């Protein structure tokens, strides 16, 4: 089974105080599901004065990982609304990052892709 990567970029400027840290802490709990998450990498940085946090998960069941993230993070709760308004979620495609899929973007005008069914 081919391993795939799903990356979430959080932009702290869109989160209320300390809620971005709580989002990262909650995302880290996904690592407890070893059948779903094979590995995770966290990168913190800044580009053009804008801070970001990139979390990249490797999974053998990328569709289930995406469904879990949708259920746990992109809901209509106040925390989910904040997560939606401050994140970008992409998945590598059949050719790695050369044909990635944009699954979620904080800008509602961005055209989103869908994961193909296995």
N, C-alpha and C. Protein backbone atom coordinates (compact mmCIF):
# COMPACT_ATOMS: atom_id res chain seq x y z
N UNK A 1 0.85 -1.18 0.00
CA UNK A 1 0.00 0.00 0.00
C UNK A 1 0.89 1.24 0.00
N UNK A 2 0.62 2.16 -0.88
CA UNK A 2 1.44 3.36 -1.00
C UNK A 2 1.18 4.31 0.17
N UNK A 3 2.25 4.81 0.73
CA UNK A 3 2.13 5.79 1.80
C UNK A 3 1.88 7.15 1.18
N UNK A 4 1.07 7.93 1.80
CA UNK A 4 0.79 9.28 1.34
C UNK A 4 1.02 10.24 2.49
N UNK A 5 1.19 11.50 2.13
CA UNK A 5 1.40 12.54 3.14
C UNK A 5 0.29 13.58 3.04
N UNK A 6 -0.15 14.01 4.19
CA UNK A 6 -1.15 15.06 4.29
C UNK A 6 -0.55 16.15 5.16
N UNK A 7 -0.55 17.38 4.68
CA UNK A 7 0.05 18.48 5.41
C UNK A 7 -0.98 19.53 5.77
N UNK A 8 -0.86 20.00 6.98
CA UNK A 8 -1.72 21.06 7.49
C UNK A 8 -0.83 22.24 7.81
N UNK A 9 -1.17 23.40 7.25
CA UNK A 9 -0.45 24.61 7.62
C UNK A 9 -1.39 25.46 8.46
N UNK A 10 -0.96 25.76 9.67
CA UNK A 10 -1.71 26.66 10.55
C UNK A 10 -1.06 28.03 10.49
N UNK A 11 -1.87 29.07 10.46
CA UNK A 11 -1.37 30.43 10.47
C UNK A 11 -1.86 31.09 11.76
N UNK A 12 -0.97 31.16 12.76
CA UNK A 12 -1.36 31.62 14.09
C UNK A 12 -2.06 32.99 14.12
N UNK A 13 -1.80 33.85 13.14
CA UNK A 13 -2.43 35.17 13.17
C UNK A 13 -3.95 35.09 13.07
N UNK A 14 -4.48 33.97 12.60
CA UNK A 14 -5.92 33.80 12.48
C UNK A 14 -6.56 33.18 13.72
N UNK A 15 -5.75 32.81 14.70
CA UNK A 15 -6.24 32.15 15.91
C UNK A 15 -6.24 33.12 17.08
N UNK A 16 -7.22 32.98 17.96
CA UNK A 16 -7.22 33.75 19.20
C UNK A 16 -6.05 33.27 20.06
N UNK A 17 -5.69 34.06 21.04
CA UNK A 17 -4.54 33.78 21.89
C UNK A 17 -4.51 32.33 22.36
N UNK A 18 -3.38 31.69 22.17
CA UNK A 18 -3.08 30.32 22.62
C UNK A 18 -3.91 29.23 21.94
N UNK A 19 -4.90 29.56 21.13
CA UNK A 19 -5.71 28.52 20.51
C UNK A 19 -4.96 27.78 19.40
N UNK A 20 -3.99 28.42 18.79
CA UNK A 20 -3.19 27.72 17.79
C UNK A 20 -2.36 26.64 18.48
N UNK A 21 -1.80 26.96 19.65
CA UNK A 21 -1.04 25.96 20.41
C UNK A 21 -1.94 24.79 20.79
N UNK A 22 -3.19 25.08 21.16
CA UNK A 22 -4.13 24.01 21.50
C UNK A 22 -4.46 23.17 20.28
N UNK A 23 -4.56 23.81 19.11
CA UNK A 23 -4.82 23.07 17.87
C UNK A 23 -3.67 22.11 17.57
N UNK A 24 -2.44 22.57 17.73
CA UNK A 24 -1.27 21.72 17.52
C UNK A 24 -1.29 20.55 18.50
N UNK A 25 -1.59 20.83 19.75
CA UNK A 25 -1.64 19.79 20.78
C UNK A 25 -2.70 18.74 20.41
N UNK A 26 -3.85 19.19 19.93
CA UNK A 26 -4.91 18.25 19.53
C UNK A 26 -4.49 17.47 18.28
N UNK A 27 -3.84 18.12 17.33
CA UNK A 27 -3.35 17.41 16.14
C UNK A 27 -2.35 16.33 16.52
N UNK A 28 -1.53 16.60 17.52
CA UNK A 28 -0.53 15.62 17.96
C UNK A 28 -1.19 14.34 18.48
N UNK A 29 -2.43 14.44 18.96
CA UNK A 29 -3.11 13.24 19.46
C UNK A 29 -3.40 12.26 18.33
N UNK A 30 -3.43 12.72 17.09
CA UNK A 30 -3.65 11.82 15.95
C UNK A 30 -2.53 10.78 15.86
N UNK A 31 -1.35 11.12 16.35
CA UNK A 31 -0.22 10.19 16.31
C UNK A 31 -0.45 8.96 17.16
N UNK A 32 -1.37 9.03 18.10
CA UNK A 32 -1.67 7.88 18.96
C UNK A 32 -2.31 6.74 18.18
N UNK A 33 -2.93 7.06 17.07
CA UNK A 33 -3.55 6.04 16.23
C UNK A 33 -2.51 5.53 15.23
N UNK A 34 -1.76 4.52 15.61
CA UNK A 34 -0.66 4.02 14.79
C UNK A 34 -1.13 3.38 13.49
N UNK A 35 -2.40 2.95 13.43
CA UNK A 35 -2.93 2.41 12.18
C UNK A 35 -3.22 3.52 11.18
N UNK A 36 -3.42 4.74 11.70
CA UNK A 36 -3.78 5.87 10.85
C UNK A 36 -2.57 6.75 10.50
N UNK A 37 -1.72 6.98 11.49
CA UNK A 37 -0.57 7.87 11.31
C UNK A 37 0.71 7.08 11.50
N UNK A 38 1.52 7.02 10.44
CA UNK A 38 2.80 6.33 10.49
C UNK A 38 3.89 7.21 11.08
N UNK A 39 3.85 8.50 10.71
CA UNK A 39 4.81 9.46 11.25
C UNK A 39 4.24 10.87 11.12
N UNK A 40 4.84 11.78 11.87
CA UNK A 40 4.43 13.18 11.83
C UNK A 40 5.66 14.06 11.96
N UNK A 41 5.63 15.16 11.24
CA UNK A 41 6.75 16.11 11.26
C UNK A 41 6.16 17.50 11.49
N UNK A 42 6.79 18.25 12.38
CA UNK A 42 6.32 19.59 12.73
C UNK A 42 7.41 20.60 12.38
N UNK A 43 7.03 21.60 11.59
CA UNK A 43 7.96 22.67 11.21
C UNK A 43 7.34 24.00 11.60
N UNK A 44 8.13 24.82 12.28
CA UNK A 44 7.69 26.16 12.67
C UNK A 44 8.54 27.16 11.90
N UNK A 45 7.90 28.18 11.34
CA UNK A 45 8.67 29.15 10.58
C UNK A 45 7.94 30.45 10.40
N UNK A 46 8.56 31.29 9.57
CA UNK A 46 8.00 32.60 9.27
C UNK A 46 8.40 32.96 7.84
N UNK A 47 7.45 33.50 7.10
CA UNK A 47 7.74 33.94 5.74
C UNK A 47 7.08 35.30 5.53
N UNK A 48 7.87 36.28 5.12
CA UNK A 48 7.39 37.64 4.91
C UNK A 48 6.66 38.17 6.14
N UNK A 49 7.18 37.86 7.32
CA UNK A 49 6.61 38.35 8.56
C UNK A 49 5.39 37.59 9.06
N UNK A 50 4.99 36.54 8.34
CA UNK A 50 3.82 35.74 8.73
C UNK A 50 4.29 34.41 9.29
N UNK A 51 3.94 34.16 10.55
CA UNK A 51 4.31 32.90 11.20
C UNK A 51 3.42 31.77 10.66
N UNK A 52 3.99 30.56 10.63
CA UNK A 52 3.21 29.39 10.23
C UNK A 52 3.73 28.17 10.98
N UNK A 53 2.87 27.17 11.02
CA UNK A 53 3.23 25.86 11.57
C UNK A 53 2.78 24.84 10.54
N UNK A 54 3.72 24.03 10.06
CA UNK A 54 3.39 22.95 9.12
C UNK A 54 3.45 21.62 9.86
N UNK A 55 2.39 20.86 9.75
CA UNK A 55 2.35 19.52 10.32
C UNK A 55 2.11 18.56 9.17
N UNK A 56 3.03 17.63 8.96
CA UNK A 56 2.91 16.68 7.86
C UNK A 56 2.78 15.28 8.45
N UNK A 57 1.66 14.65 8.12
CA UNK A 57 1.39 13.28 8.56
C UNK A 57 1.61 12.32 7.40
N UNK A 58 2.27 11.21 7.68
CA UNK A 58 2.38 10.11 6.72
C UNK A 58 1.38 9.05 7.15
N UNK A 59 0.63 8.51 6.18
CA UNK A 59 -0.40 7.54 6.50
C UNK A 59 -0.54 6.52 5.38
N UNK A 60 -0.90 5.30 5.76
CA UNK A 60 -1.20 4.28 4.75
C UNK A 60 -2.68 4.31 4.38
N UNK A 61 -3.49 5.10 5.12
CA UNK A 61 -4.91 5.25 4.82
C UNK A 61 -5.25 6.74 4.84
N UNK A 62 -4.83 7.42 3.79
CA UNK A 62 -4.96 8.87 3.72
C UNK A 62 -6.43 9.30 3.72
N UNK A 63 -7.31 8.50 3.12
CA UNK A 63 -8.73 8.85 3.09
C UNK A 63 -9.30 8.86 4.51
N UNK A 64 -8.96 7.86 5.30
CA UNK A 64 -9.46 7.81 6.69
C UNK A 64 -8.86 8.94 7.51
N UNK A 65 -7.60 9.25 7.29
CA UNK A 65 -6.97 10.37 7.99
C UNK A 65 -7.69 11.66 7.66
N UNK A 66 -8.00 11.89 6.39
CA UNK A 66 -8.70 13.09 5.97
C UNK A 66 -10.10 13.16 6.61
N UNK A 67 -10.81 12.03 6.62
CA UNK A 67 -12.14 12.00 7.25
C UNK A 67 -12.05 12.32 8.75
N UNK A 68 -11.01 11.80 9.40
CA UNK A 68 -10.82 12.07 10.83
C UNK A 68 -10.55 13.54 11.07
N UNK A 69 -9.70 14.14 10.25
CA UNK A 69 -9.39 15.57 10.39
C UNK A 69 -10.64 16.40 10.15
N UNK A 70 -11.42 16.05 9.13
CA UNK A 70 -12.66 16.78 8.87
C UNK A 70 -13.58 16.71 10.09
N UNK A 71 -13.73 15.54 10.65
CA UNK A 71 -14.64 15.34 11.78
C UNK A 71 -14.15 16.06 13.04
N UNK A 72 -12.85 15.97 13.30
CA UNK A 72 -12.33 16.51 14.55
C UNK A 72 -11.96 17.99 14.50
N UNK A 73 -11.68 18.51 13.28
CA UNK A 73 -11.14 19.87 13.21
C UNK A 73 -11.92 20.84 12.34
N UNK A 74 -12.69 20.36 11.41
CA UNK A 74 -13.38 21.26 10.48
C UNK A 74 -14.89 21.28 10.71
N UNK A 75 -15.27 21.18 11.97
CA UNK A 75 -16.68 21.17 12.35
C UNK A 75 -17.19 22.59 12.53
N UNK A 76 -18.47 22.72 12.78
CA UNK A 76 -19.07 24.04 12.94
C UNK A 76 -19.05 24.54 14.39
N UNK A 77 -18.16 24.00 15.20
CA UNK A 77 -17.98 24.53 16.55
C UNK A 77 -17.15 25.81 16.45
N UNK A 78 -17.08 26.58 17.53
CA UNK A 78 -16.28 27.81 17.49
C UNK A 78 -14.81 27.49 17.23
N UNK A 79 -14.30 26.40 17.84
CA UNK A 79 -12.90 26.00 17.59
C UNK A 79 -12.73 25.54 16.15
N UNK A 80 -13.70 24.80 15.61
CA UNK A 80 -13.63 24.34 14.23
C UNK A 80 -13.68 25.48 13.24
N UNK A 81 -14.49 26.46 13.51
CA UNK A 81 -14.57 27.63 12.63
C UNK A 81 -13.25 28.37 12.61
N UNK A 82 -12.61 28.49 13.78
CA UNK A 82 -11.31 29.15 13.85
C UNK A 82 -10.26 28.33 13.09
N UNK A 83 -10.30 27.00 13.27
CA UNK A 83 -9.36 26.13 12.56
C UNK A 83 -9.54 26.28 11.05
N UNK A 84 -10.79 26.29 10.58
CA UNK A 84 -11.06 26.44 9.15
C UNK A 84 -10.56 27.77 8.63
N UNK A 85 -10.68 28.82 9.43
CA UNK A 85 -10.30 30.15 8.95
C UNK A 85 -8.81 30.43 9.07
N UNK A 86 -8.05 29.49 9.65
CA UNK A 86 -6.62 29.72 9.82
C UNK A 86 -5.75 28.59 9.34
N UNK A 87 -6.28 27.77 8.40
CA UNK A 87 -5.48 26.62 7.96
C UNK A 87 -5.61 26.35 6.47
N UNK A 88 -4.59 25.65 5.98
CA UNK A 88 -4.56 25.12 4.62
C UNK A 88 -4.21 23.64 4.76
N UNK A 89 -4.92 22.78 4.03
CA UNK A 89 -4.65 21.34 4.12
C UNK A 89 -4.44 20.81 2.71
N UNK A 90 -3.30 20.16 2.50
CA UNK A 90 -2.97 19.58 1.20
C UNK A 90 -2.54 18.13 1.37
N UNK A 91 -2.67 17.37 0.30
CA UNK A 91 -2.27 15.97 0.29
C UNK A 91 -1.42 15.74 -0.95
N UNK A 92 -0.35 14.97 -0.79
CA UNK A 92 0.44 14.68 -1.98
C UNK A 92 -0.38 13.82 -2.93
N UNK A 93 -0.15 14.00 -4.22
CA UNK A 93 -0.90 13.26 -5.23
C UNK A 93 -0.18 11.99 -5.66
N UNK A 94 -0.56 11.47 -6.81
CA UNK A 94 0.04 10.24 -7.33
C UNK A 94 1.54 10.40 -7.60
N UNK A 95 1.97 11.64 -7.86
CA UNK A 95 3.37 11.92 -8.16
C UNK A 95 4.01 12.78 -7.06
N UNK A 96 3.69 12.43 -5.82
CA UNK A 96 4.25 13.16 -4.69
C UNK A 96 3.70 14.57 -4.62
N UNK A 97 4.58 15.54 -4.38
CA UNK A 97 4.14 16.93 -4.28
C UNK A 97 4.05 17.60 -5.64
N UNK A 98 4.41 16.89 -6.72
CA UNK A 98 4.29 17.48 -8.06
C UNK A 98 2.84 17.64 -8.48
N UNK A 99 1.94 16.88 -7.89
CA UNK A 99 0.52 17.01 -8.24
C UNK A 99 -0.34 16.94 -6.97
N UNK A 100 0.03 17.77 -5.98
CA UNK A 100 -0.68 17.76 -4.71
C UNK A 100 -2.15 18.16 -4.88
N UNK A 101 -2.95 17.79 -3.90
CA UNK A 101 -4.37 18.12 -3.90
C UNK A 101 -4.63 19.14 -2.78
N UNK A 102 -5.33 20.20 -3.10
CA UNK A 102 -5.71 21.20 -2.11
C UNK A 102 -7.06 20.78 -1.54
N UNK A 103 -7.06 20.32 -0.29
CA UNK A 103 -8.28 19.80 0.33
C UNK A 103 -9.04 20.86 1.12
N UNK A 104 -8.32 21.82 1.67
CA UNK A 104 -8.96 22.90 2.44
C UNK A 104 -8.09 24.14 2.35
N UNK A 105 -8.74 25.29 2.27
CA UNK A 105 -8.02 26.57 2.27
C UNK A 105 -8.87 27.58 3.02
N UNK A 106 -8.21 28.39 3.83
CA UNK A 106 -8.95 29.40 4.59
C UNK A 106 -9.65 30.41 3.69
N UNK A 107 -9.17 30.57 2.46
CA UNK A 107 -9.82 31.47 1.49
C UNK A 107 -10.90 30.69 0.76
N UNK A 108 -12.17 31.00 1.00
CA UNK A 108 -13.26 30.22 0.38
C UNK A 108 -13.31 30.35 -1.14
N UNK A 109 -12.56 31.28 -1.71
CA UNK A 109 -12.55 31.43 -3.16
C UNK A 109 -11.58 30.47 -3.86
N UNK A 110 -10.71 29.83 -3.07
CA UNK A 110 -9.77 28.86 -3.64
C UNK A 110 -10.52 27.61 -4.10
N UNK A 111 -10.16 27.11 -5.29
CA UNK A 111 -10.78 25.89 -5.80
C UNK A 111 -10.16 24.69 -5.09
N UNK A 112 -11.00 23.86 -4.51
CA UNK A 112 -10.52 22.70 -3.76
C UNK A 112 -10.58 21.44 -4.61
N UNK A 113 -9.70 20.50 -4.28
CA UNK A 113 -9.68 19.19 -4.91
C UNK A 113 -10.36 18.19 -3.97
N UNK A 114 -10.64 17.02 -4.49
CA UNK A 114 -11.18 15.94 -3.68
C UNK A 114 -10.25 14.75 -3.77
N UNK A 115 -10.16 14.03 -2.65
CA UNK A 115 -9.38 12.80 -2.67
C UNK A 115 -10.14 11.76 -3.49
N UNK A 116 -9.45 11.10 -4.41
CA UNK A 116 -10.12 10.03 -5.16
C UNK A 116 -10.38 8.83 -4.25
N UNK A 117 -11.48 8.16 -4.47
CA UNK A 117 -11.78 6.96 -3.69
C UNK A 117 -10.76 5.87 -4.03
N UNK A 118 -10.38 5.09 -3.00
CA UNK A 118 -9.37 4.05 -3.24
C UNK A 118 -9.90 2.93 -4.11
